């Protein structure tokens, strides 16, 4: 199996000390779960290069109560060098570790052409795309009281609709190869009265863009207590003959490759027996197990 969603470090108050030993430990842990290939996919918002490129976009939404919270989030996280990160991933690969050079590309509405141009300068194997905020509302940061409060005052169906629009927009940019946790909007446990509308829109957008879909165990650890994507959503994706990757979305060593076998079983029950793998952003297929 493969795990195409691994972060290199936990949240930190300072810039990262890059270590190949950490990646080697990830690979060893993955092997215990039957995972033989890892993609290192740290978030773009962790890098000063990307933050400088997109600028303080939250100022466009200064009227939103979540604007200041998002500004604080970027100030905390954007402190590392994209070049140093890529050099580390390349070095690990050159030393024979079973890794892919990747990145989790956050969706910056109206700015993805600029982001894609920046990332094209680096030798990435795979880029996975994700939506973590709607304007300045970080809907998945349910531990931040300012962001969490929005779930109490916003219309849940509208939130799902807004998220679905951004997922479709992200897929259409052709800036990424894989859609990560494509129904992340459900993370805090607030479910649309008719999620099938979102599933149809997102599945159609993914098919049109010919991107792969990440099937992730991370949701089992969240309040929603469900893998990404939901089984009904997965059925829509399989029906459109889309390709899949698997992931643990691991921020810590002990979660690398977590419940990989359960993800494989979920796919096999729907007739999926191959996974997408990427090299230099070109897809090929490998056996699921």
C-alpha atoms as a PDB file:
ATOM      1  CA  UNK A   1       0.000   0.000   0.000  1.00  0.00           C
ATOM      2  CA  UNK A   2       0.930   3.663  -0.160  1.00  0.00           C
ATOM      3  CA  UNK A   3       0.489   6.585   2.221  1.00  0.00           C
ATOM      4  CA  UNK A   4       0.320   9.828   0.290  1.00  0.00           C
ATOM      5  CA  UNK A   5      -0.240  12.332   3.076  1.00  0.00           C
ATOM      6  CA  UNK A   6       2.546  12.722   5.642  1.00  0.00           C
ATOM      7  CA  UNK A   7       3.678  15.857   7.435  1.00  0.00           C
ATOM      8  CA  UNK A   8       7.312  16.085   8.474  1.00  0.00           C
ATOM      9  CA  UNK A   9       6.880  17.821  11.777  1.00  0.00           C
ATOM     10  CA  UNK A  10       4.383  18.734  14.463  1.00  0.00           C
ATOM     11  CA  UNK A  11       3.457  22.371  15.050  1.00  0.00           C
ATOM     12  CA  UNK A  12       6.411  24.350  16.385  1.00  0.00           C
ATOM     13  CA  UNK A  13       7.143  27.806  17.706  1.00  0.00           C
ATOM     14  CA  UNK A  14      10.344  28.013  15.703  1.00  0.00           C
ATOM     15  CA  UNK A  15      11.649  27.033  12.318  1.00  0.00           C
ATOM     16  CA  UNK A  16      12.213  23.343  11.675  1.00  0.00           C
ATOM     17  CA  UNK A  17      15.436  21.407  12.102  1.00  0.00           C
ATOM     18  CA  UNK A  18      15.408  19.102   9.110  1.00  0.00           C
ATOM     19  CA  UNK A  19      16.258  15.449   9.782  1.00  0.00           C
ATOM     20  CA  UNK A  20      16.495  12.480   7.422  1.00  0.00           C
ATOM     21  CA  UNK A  21      16.367  10.235  10.487  1.00  0.00           C
ATOM     22  CA  UNK A  22      12.768  11.358  11.032  1.00  0.00           C
ATOM     23  CA  UNK A  23      11.825  10.277   7.512  1.00  0.00           C
ATOM     24  CA  UNK A  24      13.582   6.931   7.989  1.00  0.00           C
ATOM     25  CA  UNK A  25      11.557   6.386  11.163  1.00  0.00           C
ATOM     26  CA  UNK A  26       8.369   7.182   9.237  1.00  0.00           C
ATOM     27  CA  UNK A  27       9.284   4.576   6.634  1.00  0.00           C
ATOM     28  CA  UNK A  28       9.971   1.941   9.302  1.00  0.00           C
ATOM     29  CA  UNK A  29       6.632   2.616  11.017  1.00  0.00           C
ATOM     30  CA  UNK A  30       4.794   2.517   7.676  1.00  0.00           C
ATOM     31  CA  UNK A  31       6.277  -0.890   6.867  1.00  0.00           C
ATOM     32  CA  UNK A  32       4.690  -2.355  10.013  1.00  0.00           C
ATOM     33  CA  UNK A  33       1.296  -1.463   8.498  1.00  0.00           C
ATOM     34  CA  UNK A  34       2.052  -2.920   5.073  1.00  0.00           C
ATOM     35  CA  UNK A  35       2.776   0.506   3.554  1.00  0.00           C
ATOM     36  CA  UNK A  36       5.717   0.475   1.166  1.00  0.00           C
ATOM     37  CA  UNK A  37       5.626   3.992  -0.306  1.00  0.00           C
ATOM     38  CA  UNK A  38       5.220   7.361   1.407  1.00  0.00           C
ATOM     39  CA  UNK A  39       4.618  10.831   0.035  1.00  0.00           C
ATOM     40  CA  UNK A  40       5.942  13.680   2.157  1.00  0.00           C
ATOM     41  CA  UNK A  41       3.276  16.372   1.849  1.00  0.00           C
ATOM     42  CA  UNK A  42       3.760  19.247   4.257  1.00  0.00           C
ATOM     43  CA  UNK A  43       1.288  22.149   3.992  1.00  0.00           C
ATOM     44  CA  UNK A  44       2.130  25.124   1.792  1.00  0.00           C
ATOM     45  CA  UNK A  45       1.070  27.464   4.600  1.00  0.00           C
ATOM     46  CA  UNK A  46       4.075  26.298   6.610  1.00  0.00           C
ATOM     47  CA  UNK A  47       6.476  28.100   4.264  1.00  0.00           C
ATOM     48  CA  UNK A  48       7.511  31.749   4.174  1.00  0.00           C
ATOM     49  CA  UNK A  49       7.905  31.490   0.401  1.00  0.00           C
ATOM     50  CA  UNK A  50       4.214  30.778  -0.081  1.00  0.00           C
ATOM     51  CA  UNK A  51       3.065  33.218   2.580  1.00  0.00           C
ATOM     52  CA  UNK A  52       5.047  35.994   0.903  1.00  0.00           C
ATOM     53  CA  UNK A  53       3.591  35.076  -2.475  1.00  0.00           C
ATOM     54  CA  UNK A  54      -0.093  35.046  -1.489  1.00  0.00           C
ATOM     55  CA  UNK A  55       0.228  37.939   0.969  1.00  0.00           C
ATOM     56  CA  UNK A  56      -2.227  38.786   3.765  1.00  0.00           C
ATOM     57  CA  UNK A  57      -5.318  37.718   1.815  1.00  0.00           C
ATOM     58  CA  UNK A  58      -7.360  37.782   5.017  1.00  0.00           C
ATOM     59  CA  UNK A  59      -7.345  41.582   4.885  1.00  0.00           C
ATOM     60  CA  UNK A  60      -9.847  41.332   2.034  1.00  0.00           C
ATOM     61  CA  UNK A  61     -12.233  39.921   4.614  1.00  0.00           C
ATOM     62  CA  UNK A  62     -11.383  42.216   7.506  1.00  0.00           C
ATOM     63  CA  UNK A  63     -15.046  42.440   8.399  1.00  0.00           C
ATOM     64  CA  UNK A  64     -15.119  38.735   9.271  1.00  0.00           C
ATOM     65  CA  UNK A  65     -14.707  37.861  12.962  1.00  0.00           C
ATOM     66  CA  UNK A  66     -12.301  35.081  11.916  1.00  0.00           C
ATOM     67  CA  UNK A  67      -9.908  37.338   9.977  1.00  0.00           C
ATOM     68  CA  UNK A  68      -7.628  38.095  12.929  1.00  0.00           C
ATOM     69  CA  UNK A  69      -7.579  34.426  13.926  1.00  0.00           C
ATOM     70  CA  UNK A  70      -6.384  33.395  10.459  1.00  0.00           C
ATOM     71  CA  UNK A  71      -3.698  36.107  10.529  1.00  0.00           C
ATOM     72  CA  UNK A  72      -2.447  34.706  13.833  1.00  0.00           C
ATOM     73  CA  UNK A  73      -2.482  31.200  12.378  1.00  0.00           C
ATOM     74  CA  UNK A  74      -0.218  32.206   9.481  1.00  0.00           C
ATOM     75  CA  UNK A  75       2.097  34.149  11.780  1.00  0.00           C
ATOM     76  CA  UNK A  76       2.510  30.991  13.870  1.00  0.00           C
ATOM     77  CA  UNK A  77       2.976  28.502  11.025  1.00  0.00           C
ATOM     78  CA  UNK A  78       4.665  30.283   8.107  1.00  0.00           C
ATOM     79  CA  UNK A  79       8.261  30.206   9.265  1.00  0.00           C
ATOM     80  CA  UNK A  80      10.057  27.554   7.191  1.00  0.00           C
ATOM     81  CA  UNK A  81      11.887  27.425   3.860  1.00  0.00           C
ATOM     82  CA  UNK A  82      10.274  25.585   0.968  1.00  0.00           C
ATOM     83  CA  UNK A  83      13.673  24.983  -0.615  1.00  0.00           C
ATOM     84  CA  UNK A  84      15.055  23.409   2.575  1.00  0.00           C
ATOM     85  CA  UNK A  85      12.034  21.142   2.797  1.00  0.00           C
ATOM     86  CA  UNK A  86      12.301  20.008  -0.822  1.00  0.00           C
ATOM     87  CA  UNK A  87      16.052  19.450  -0.482  1.00  0.00           C
ATOM     88  CA  UNK A  88      15.415  17.222   2.537  1.00  0.00           C
ATOM     89  CA  UNK A  89      12.783  15.172   0.707  1.00  0.00           C
ATOM     90  CA  UNK A  90      15.034  14.808  -2.356  1.00  0.00           C
ATOM     91  CA  UNK A  91      17.973  13.742  -0.174  1.00  0.00           C
ATOM     92  CA  UNK A  92      15.840  11.102   1.534  1.00  0.00           C
ATOM     93  CA  UNK A  93      14.741   9.763  -1.832  1.00  0.00           C
ATOM     94  CA  UNK A  94      18.326   9.724  -3.122  1.00  0.00           C
ATOM     95  CA  UNK A  95      19.409   7.749  -0.063  1.00  0.00           C
ATOM     96  CA  UNK A  96      16.992   5.017  -1.047  1.00  0.00           C
ATOM     97  CA  UNK A  97      14.122   5.679   1.317  1.00  0.00           C
ATOM     98  CA  UNK A  98      10.736   4.796  -0.290  1.00  0.00           C
ATOM     99  CA  UNK A  99       9.421   8.351  -0.401  1.00  0.00           C
ATOM    100  CA  UNK A 100       7.898  10.722  -2.922  1.00  0.00           C
ATOM    101  CA  UNK A 101       8.640  14.452  -2.930  1.00  0.00           C
ATOM    102  CA  UNK A 102       5.272  16.047  -2.367  1.00  0.00           C
ATOM    103  CA  UNK A 103       3.345  18.951  -0.920  1.00  0.00           C
ATOM    104  CA  UNK A 104      -0.149  19.573   0.401  1.00  0.00           C
ATOM    105  CA  UNK A 105      -1.264  22.609  -1.571  1.00  0.00           C
ATOM    106  CA  UNK A 106      -3.715  24.802   0.311  1.00  0.00           C
ATOM    107  CA  UNK A 107      -6.370  26.467  -1.814  1.00  0.00           C
ATOM    108  CA  UNK A 108      -5.890  30.230  -2.125  1.00  0.00           C
ATOM    109  CA  UNK A 109      -8.904  31.451  -4.034  1.00  0.00           C
ATOM    110  CA  UNK A 110      -7.957  33.467  -7.142  1.00  0.00           C
ATOM    111  CA  UNK A 111      -4.232  32.933  -6.568  1.00  0.00           C
ATOM    112  CA  UNK A 112      -3.613  29.347  -7.668  1.00  0.00           C
ATOM    113  CA  UNK A 113      -1.895  30.301 -10.928  1.00  0.00           C
ATOM    114  CA  UNK A 114       0.777  32.126  -8.913  1.00  0.00           C
ATOM    115  CA  UNK A 115       1.099  29.237  -6.483  1.00  0.00           C
ATOM    116  CA  UNK A 116       1.398  26.733  -9.350  1.00  0.00           C
ATOM    117  CA  UNK A 117       4.145  28.824 -10.993  1.00  0.00           C
ATOM    118  CA  UNK A 118       6.124  28.827  -7.745  1.00  0.00           C
ATOM    119  CA  UNK A 119       5.764  25.086  -7.211  1.00  0.00           C
ATOM    120  CA  UNK A 120       6.760  24.344 -10.828  1.00  0.00           C
ATOM    121  CA  UNK A 121      10.286  25.422  -9.899  1.00  0.00           C
ATOM    122  CA  UNK A 122      10.703  22.343  -7.688  1.00  0.00           C
ATOM    123  CA  UNK A 123      11.016  18.603  -8.493  1.00  0.00           C
ATOM    124  CA  UNK A 124       7.763  17.430  -6.949  1.00  0.00           C
ATOM    125  CA  UNK A 125       6.492  13.925  -7.551  1.00  0.00           C
ATOM    126  CA  UNK A 126       2.983  14.643  -6.328  1.00  0.00           C
ATOM    127  CA  UNK A 127       0.894  17.608  -5.222  1.00  0.00           C
ATOM    128  CA  UNK A 128      -2.203  16.988  -3.149  1.00  0.00           C
ATOM    129  CA  UNK A 129      -4.761  19.767  -2.845  1.00  0.00           C
ATOM    130  CA  UNK A 130      -6.921  20.730   0.107  1.00  0.00           C
ATOM    131  CA  UNK A 131      -9.414  23.343   1.270  1.00  0.00           C
ATOM    132  CA  UNK A 132      -9.059  24.318   4.926  1.00  0.00           C
ATOM    133  CA  UNK A 133     -10.753  27.700   5.035  1.00  0.00           C
ATOM    134  CA  UNK A 134     -13.710  29.485   3.509  1.00  0.00           C
ATOM    135  CA  UNK A 135     -12.567  33.098   3.120  1.00  0.00           C
ATOM    136  CA  UNK A 136     -11.060  33.398   6.642  1.00  0.00           C
ATOM    137  CA  UNK A 137     -13.126  30.772   8.416  1.00  0.00           C
ATOM    138  CA  UNK A 138     -11.014  27.724   9.276  1.00  0.00           C
ATOM    139  CA  UNK A 139     -13.908  25.335   9.609  1.00  0.00           C
ATOM    140  CA  UNK A 140     -11.655  22.425  10.644  1.00  0.00           C
ATOM    141  CA  UNK A 141      -9.947  24.315  13.494  1.00  0.00           C
ATOM    142  CA  UNK A 142     -12.618  23.331  15.980  1.00  0.00           C
ATOM    143  CA  UNK A 143     -10.203  23.775  18.903  1.00  0.00           C
ATOM    144  CA  UNK A 144      -9.927  27.511  18.235  1.00  0.00           C
ATOM    145  CA  UNK A 145     -12.946  29.086  19.989  1.00  0.00           C
ATOM    146  CA  UNK A 146     -13.245  31.891  17.429  1.00  0.00           C
ATOM    147  CA  UNK A 147     -13.297  29.488  14.490  1.00  0.00           C
ATOM    148  CA  UNK A 148     -15.403  26.873  16.313  1.00  0.00           C
ATOM    149  CA  UNK A 149     -18.090  29.432  17.154  1.00  0.00           C
ATOM    150  CA  UNK A 150     -18.861  29.868  13.479  1.00  0.00           C
ATOM    151  CA  UNK A 151     -20.440  26.424  13.411  1.00  0.00           C
ATOM    152  CA  UNK A 152     -22.989  27.728  15.923  1.00  0.00           C
ATOM    153  CA  UNK A 153     -23.960  30.804  13.923  1.00  0.00           C
ATOM    154  CA  UNK A 154     -23.627  29.696  10.282  1.00  0.00           C
ATOM    155  CA  UNK A 155     -26.051  27.700   8.202  1.00  0.00           C
ATOM    156  CA  UNK A 156     -24.588  24.213   7.852  1.00  0.00           C
ATOM    157  CA  UNK A 157     -26.002  23.595   4.380  1.00  0.00           C
ATOM    158  CA  UNK A 158     -24.528  26.878   3.163  1.00  0.00           C
ATOM    159  CA  UNK A 159     -21.161  25.951   4.653  1.00  0.00           C
ATOM    160  CA  UNK A 160     -21.199  22.679   2.723  1.00  0.00           C
ATOM    161  CA  UNK A 161     -22.204  24.520  -0.452  1.00  0.00           C
ATOM    162  CA  UNK A 162     -19.390  27.041  -0.048  1.00  0.00           C
ATOM    163  CA  UNK A 163     -16.903  24.266   0.567  1.00  0.00           C
ATOM    164  CA  UNK A 164     -18.132  22.264  -2.434  1.00  0.00           C
ATOM    165  CA  UNK A 165     -17.640  25.292  -4.677  1.00  0.00           C
ATOM    166  CA  UNK A 166     -14.036  25.639  -3.533  1.00  0.00           C
ATOM    167  CA  UNK A 167     -13.287  21.958  -3.989  1.00  0.00           C
ATOM    168  CA  UNK A 168     -14.595  22.206  -7.553  1.00  0.00           C
ATOM    169  CA  UNK A 169     -12.560  25.366  -8.160  1.00  0.00           C
ATOM    170  CA  UNK A 170      -9.412  23.719  -6.785  1.00  0.00           C
ATOM    171  CA  UNK A 171      -9.812  20.679  -9.021  1.00  0.00           C
ATOM    172  CA  UNK A 172     -10.326  22.912 -12.065  1.00  0.00           C
ATOM    173  CA  UNK A 173      -7.049  24.779 -11.521  1.00  0.00           C
ATOM    174  CA  UNK A 174      -5.054  21.669 -12.534  1.00  0.00           C
ATOM    175  CA  UNK A 175      -2.549  22.753  -9.880  1.00  0.00           C
ATOM    176  CA  UNK A 176      -2.787  19.453  -7.981  1.00  0.00           C
ATOM    177  CA  UNK A 177      -2.795  15.736  -8.733  1.00  0.00           C
ATOM    178  CA  UNK A 178      -4.855  14.473  -5.806  1.00  0.00           C
ATOM    179  CA  UNK A 179      -7.740  15.883  -3.778  1.00  0.00           C
ATOM    180  CA  UNK A 180      -6.964  15.357  -0.094  1.00  0.00           C
ATOM    181  CA  UNK A 181      -9.709  14.555   2.467  1.00  0.00           C
ATOM    182  CA  UNK A 182     -12.291  15.799  -0.066  1.00  0.00           C
ATOM    183  CA  UNK A 183     -15.163  16.045   2.434  1.00  0.00           C
ATOM    184  CA  UNK A 184     -13.177  17.711   5.219  1.00  0.00           C
ATOM    185  CA  UNK A 185     -16.099  20.087   5.802  1.00  0.00           C
ATOM    186  CA  UNK A 186     -17.718  17.332   7.920  1.00  0.00           C
ATOM    187  CA  UNK A 187     -14.760  17.151  10.343  1.00  0.00           C
ATOM    188  CA  UNK A 188     -16.463  18.780  13.349  1.00  0.00           C
ATOM    189  CA  UNK A 189     -19.551  16.612  12.950  1.00  0.00           C
ATOM    190  CA  UNK A 190     -21.911  19.136  11.331  1.00  0.00           C
ATOM    191  CA  UNK A 191     -23.493  17.309   8.394  1.00  0.00           C
ATOM    192  CA  UNK A 192     -25.479  18.792   5.524  1.00  0.00           C
ATOM    193  CA  UNK A 193     -29.160  17.864   5.328  1.00  0.00           C
ATOM    194  CA  UNK A 194     -28.417  16.563   1.819  1.00  0.00           C
ATOM    195  CA  UNK A 195     -24.700  15.738   1.426  1.00  0.00           C
ATOM    196  CA  UNK A 196     -25.382  13.958  -1.865  1.00  0.00           C
ATOM    197  CA  UNK A 197     -25.607  17.357  -3.594  1.00  0.00           C
ATOM    198  CA  UNK A 198     -22.033  18.081  -2.543  1.00  0.00           C
ATOM    199  CA  UNK A 199     -20.878  14.568  -3.426  1.00  0.00           C
ATOM    200  CA  UNK A 200     -22.244  14.925  -6.974  1.00  0.00           C
ATOM    201  CA  UNK A 201     -20.622  18.333  -7.511  1.00  0.00           C
ATOM    202  CA  UNK A 202     -17.243  17.287  -6.142  1.00  0.00           C
ATOM    203  CA  UNK A 203     -17.214  13.961  -7.978  1.00  0.00           C
ATOM    204  CA  UNK A 204     -18.066  15.631 -11.293  1.00  0.00           C
ATOM    205  CA  UNK A 205     -15.306  18.232 -10.753  1.00  0.00           C
ATOM    206  CA  UNK A 206     -12.766  15.539  -9.923  1.00  0.00           C
ATOM    207  CA  UNK A 207     -13.725  13.544 -13.015  1.00  0.00           C
ATOM    208  CA  UNK A 208     -13.455  16.617 -15.249  1.00  0.00           C
ATOM    209  CA  UNK A 209     -10.009  17.475 -13.863  1.00  0.00           C
ATOM    210  CA  UNK A 210      -8.851  13.824 -13.873  1.00  0.00           C
ATOM    211  CA  UNK A 211      -7.445  14.047 -10.352  1.00  0.00           C
ATOM    212  CA  UNK A 212      -7.068  11.151  -7.954  1.00  0.00           C
ATOM    213  CA  UNK A 213      -8.957  11.026  -4.660  1.00  0.00           C
ATOM    214  CA  UNK A 214      -7.393  10.481  -1.275  1.00  0.00           C
ATOM    215  CA  UNK A 215      -9.041   7.876   0.960  1.00  0.00           C
ATOM    216  CA  UNK A 216      -7.862   8.771   4.446  1.00  0.00           C
ATOM    217  CA  UNK A 217      -8.082   7.201   7.892  1.00  0.00           C
ATOM    218  CA  UNK A 218      -7.597  10.579   9.612  1.00  0.00           C
ATOM    219  CA  UNK A 219     -11.321  11.236   9.981  1.00  0.00           C
ATOM    220  CA  UNK A 220     -11.677   8.290  12.355  1.00  0.00           C
ATOM    221  CA  UNK A 221      -9.706  10.382  14.881  1.00  0.00           C
ATOM    222  CA  UNK A 222     -11.895  13.487  14.448  1.00  0.00           C
ATOM    223  CA  UNK A 223     -15.282  14.380  15.986  1.00  0.00           C
ATOM    224  CA  UNK A 224     -17.044  13.090  12.857  1.00  0.00           C
ATOM    225  CA  UNK A 225     -15.473   9.639  13.499  1.00  0.00           C
ATOM    226  CA  UNK A 226     -15.613   8.692   9.821  1.00  0.00           C
ATOM    227  CA  UNK A 227     -13.004   8.162   7.152  1.00  0.00           C
ATOM    228  CA  UNK A 228     -12.633  10.577   4.239  1.00  0.00           C
ATOM    229  CA  UNK A 229     -14.549  10.298   1.976  1.00  0.00           C
ATOM    230  CA  UNK A 230     -17.852   9.085   3.425  1.00  0.00           C
ATOM    231  CA  UNK A 231     -19.006   5.757   2.030  1.00  0.00           C
ATOM    232  CA  UNK A 232     -21.807   7.363   0.018  1.00  0.00           C
ATOM    233  CA  UNK A 233     -19.357   9.870  -1.427  1.00  0.00           C
ATOM    234  CA  UNK A 234     -16.905   7.074  -2.183  1.00  0.00           C
ATOM    235  CA  UNK A 235     -19.613   5.277  -4.133  1.00  0.00           C
ATOM    236  CA  UNK A 236     -20.081   8.357  -6.321  1.00  0.00           C
ATOM    237  CA  UNK A 237     -16.331   8.540  -6.958  1.00  0.00           C
ATOM    238  CA  UNK A 238     -15.985   4.849  -7.790  1.00  0.00           C
ATOM    239  CA  UNK A 239     -18.942   5.100 -10.172  1.00  0.00           C
ATOM    240  CA  UNK A 240     -17.024   7.749 -12.119  1.00  0.00           C
ATOM    241  CA  UNK A 241     -14.033   5.429 -12.480  1.00  0.00           C
ATOM    242  CA  UNK A 242     -11.715   7.768 -10.580  1.00  0.00           C
ATOM    243  CA  UNK A 243      -8.350   6.672  -9.200  1.00  0.00           C
ATOM    244  CA  UNK A 244      -7.416   6.673  -5.534  1.00  0.00           C
ATOM    245  CA  UNK A 245      -4.542   7.093  -3.123  1.00  0.00           C
ATOM    246  CA  UNK A 246      -4.593   6.109   0.543  1.00  0.00           C
ATOM    247  CA  UNK A 247      -3.423   8.194   3.469  1.00  0.00           C
ATOM    248  CA  UNK A 248      -3.154   8.507   7.224  1.00  0.00           C
ATOM    249  CA  UNK A 249      -2.637  12.306   7.198  1.00  0.00           C
ATOM    250  CA  UNK A 250      -0.038  11.673   9.891  1.00  0.00           C
ATOM    251  CA  UNK A 251       1.398  14.528  11.932  1.00  0.00           C
ATOM    252  CA  UNK A 252       3.116  12.142  14.336  1.00  0.00           C
ATOM    253  CA  UNK A 253       5.186   8.994  13.952  1.00  0.00           C
ATOM    254  CA  UNK A 254       2.709   6.726  15.739  1.00  0.00           C
ATOM    255  CA  UNK A 255      -0.015   7.541  13.207  1.00  0.00           C
ATOM    256  CA  UNK A 256       1.944   6.810  10.050  1.00  0.00           C
ATOM    257  CA  UNK A 257       0.074   4.183   8.053  1.00  0.00           C
ATOM    258  CA  UNK A 258      -2.652   3.968  10.679  1.00  0.00           C
ATOM    259  CA  UNK A 259      -5.559   1.660   9.711  1.00  0.00           C
ATOM    260  CA  UNK A 260      -4.127   1.136   6.224  1.00  0.00           C
ATOM    261  CA  UNK A 261      -5.687  -2.318   6.064  1.00  0.00           C
ATOM    262  CA  UNK A 262      -9.135  -0.888   6.864  1.00  0.00           C
ATOM    263  CA  UNK A 263      -8.811   1.560   3.984  1.00  0.00           C
ATOM    264  CA  UNK A 264      -7.791  -1.249   1.641  1.00  0.00           C
ATOM    265  CA  UNK A 265     -10.816  -3.282   2.682  1.00  0.00           C
ATOM    266  CA  UNK A 266     -13.091  -0.286   2.112  1.00  0.00           C
ATOM    267  CA  UNK A 267     -11.804   0.055  -1.466  1.00  0.00           C
ATOM    268  CA  UNK A 268     -11.751  -3.654  -2.225  1.00  0.00           C
ATOM    269  CA  UNK A 269     -15.406  -3.941  -1.220  1.00  0.00           C
ATOM    270  CA  UNK A 270     -16.126  -1.537  -4.104  1.00  0.00           C
ATOM    271  CA  UNK A 271     -14.033  -3.387  -6.656  1.00  0.00           C
ATOM    272  CA  UNK A 272     -10.987  -1.119  -6.417  1.00  0.00           C
ATOM    273  CA  UNK A 273      -7.750  -3.140  -6.502  1.00  0.00           C
ATOM    274  CA  UNK A 274      -5.214  -0.562  -7.664  1.00  0.00           C
ATOM    275  CA  UNK A 275      -3.887   2.721  -6.283  1.00  0.00           C
ATOM    276  CA  UNK A 276      -2.426   5.725  -8.060  1.00  0.00           C
ATOM    277  CA  UNK A 277       1.256   6.448  -7.557  1.00  0.00           C
ATOM    278  CA  UNK A 278       3.081   9.511  -8.874  1.00  0.00           C
ATOM    279  CA  UNK A 279       6.562  10.268 -10.138  1.00  0.00           C
ATOM    280  CA  UNK A 280       7.399  13.730 -11.454  1.00  0.00           C
ATOM    281  CA  UNK A 281       3.644  14.383 -11.331  1.00  0.00           C
ATOM    282  CA  UNK A 282       2.907  11.544 -13.725  1.00  0.00           C
ATOM    283  CA  UNK A 283       0.415   8.938 -12.557  1.00  0.00           C
ATOM    284  CA  UNK A 284       0.791   5.184 -12.801  1.00  0.00           C
ATOM    285  CA  UNK A 285      -1.116   2.396 -11.098  1.00  0.00           C
ATOM    286  CA  UNK A 286       0.097  -0.174  -8.577  1.00  0.00           C
ATOM    287  CA  UNK A 287      -1.573  -3.055  -6.767  1.00  0.00           C
ATOM    288  CA  UNK A 288      -3.606  -1.954  -3.756  1.00  0.00           C
ATOM    289  CA  UNK A 289      -1.935  -4.567  -1.520  1.00  0.00           C
END
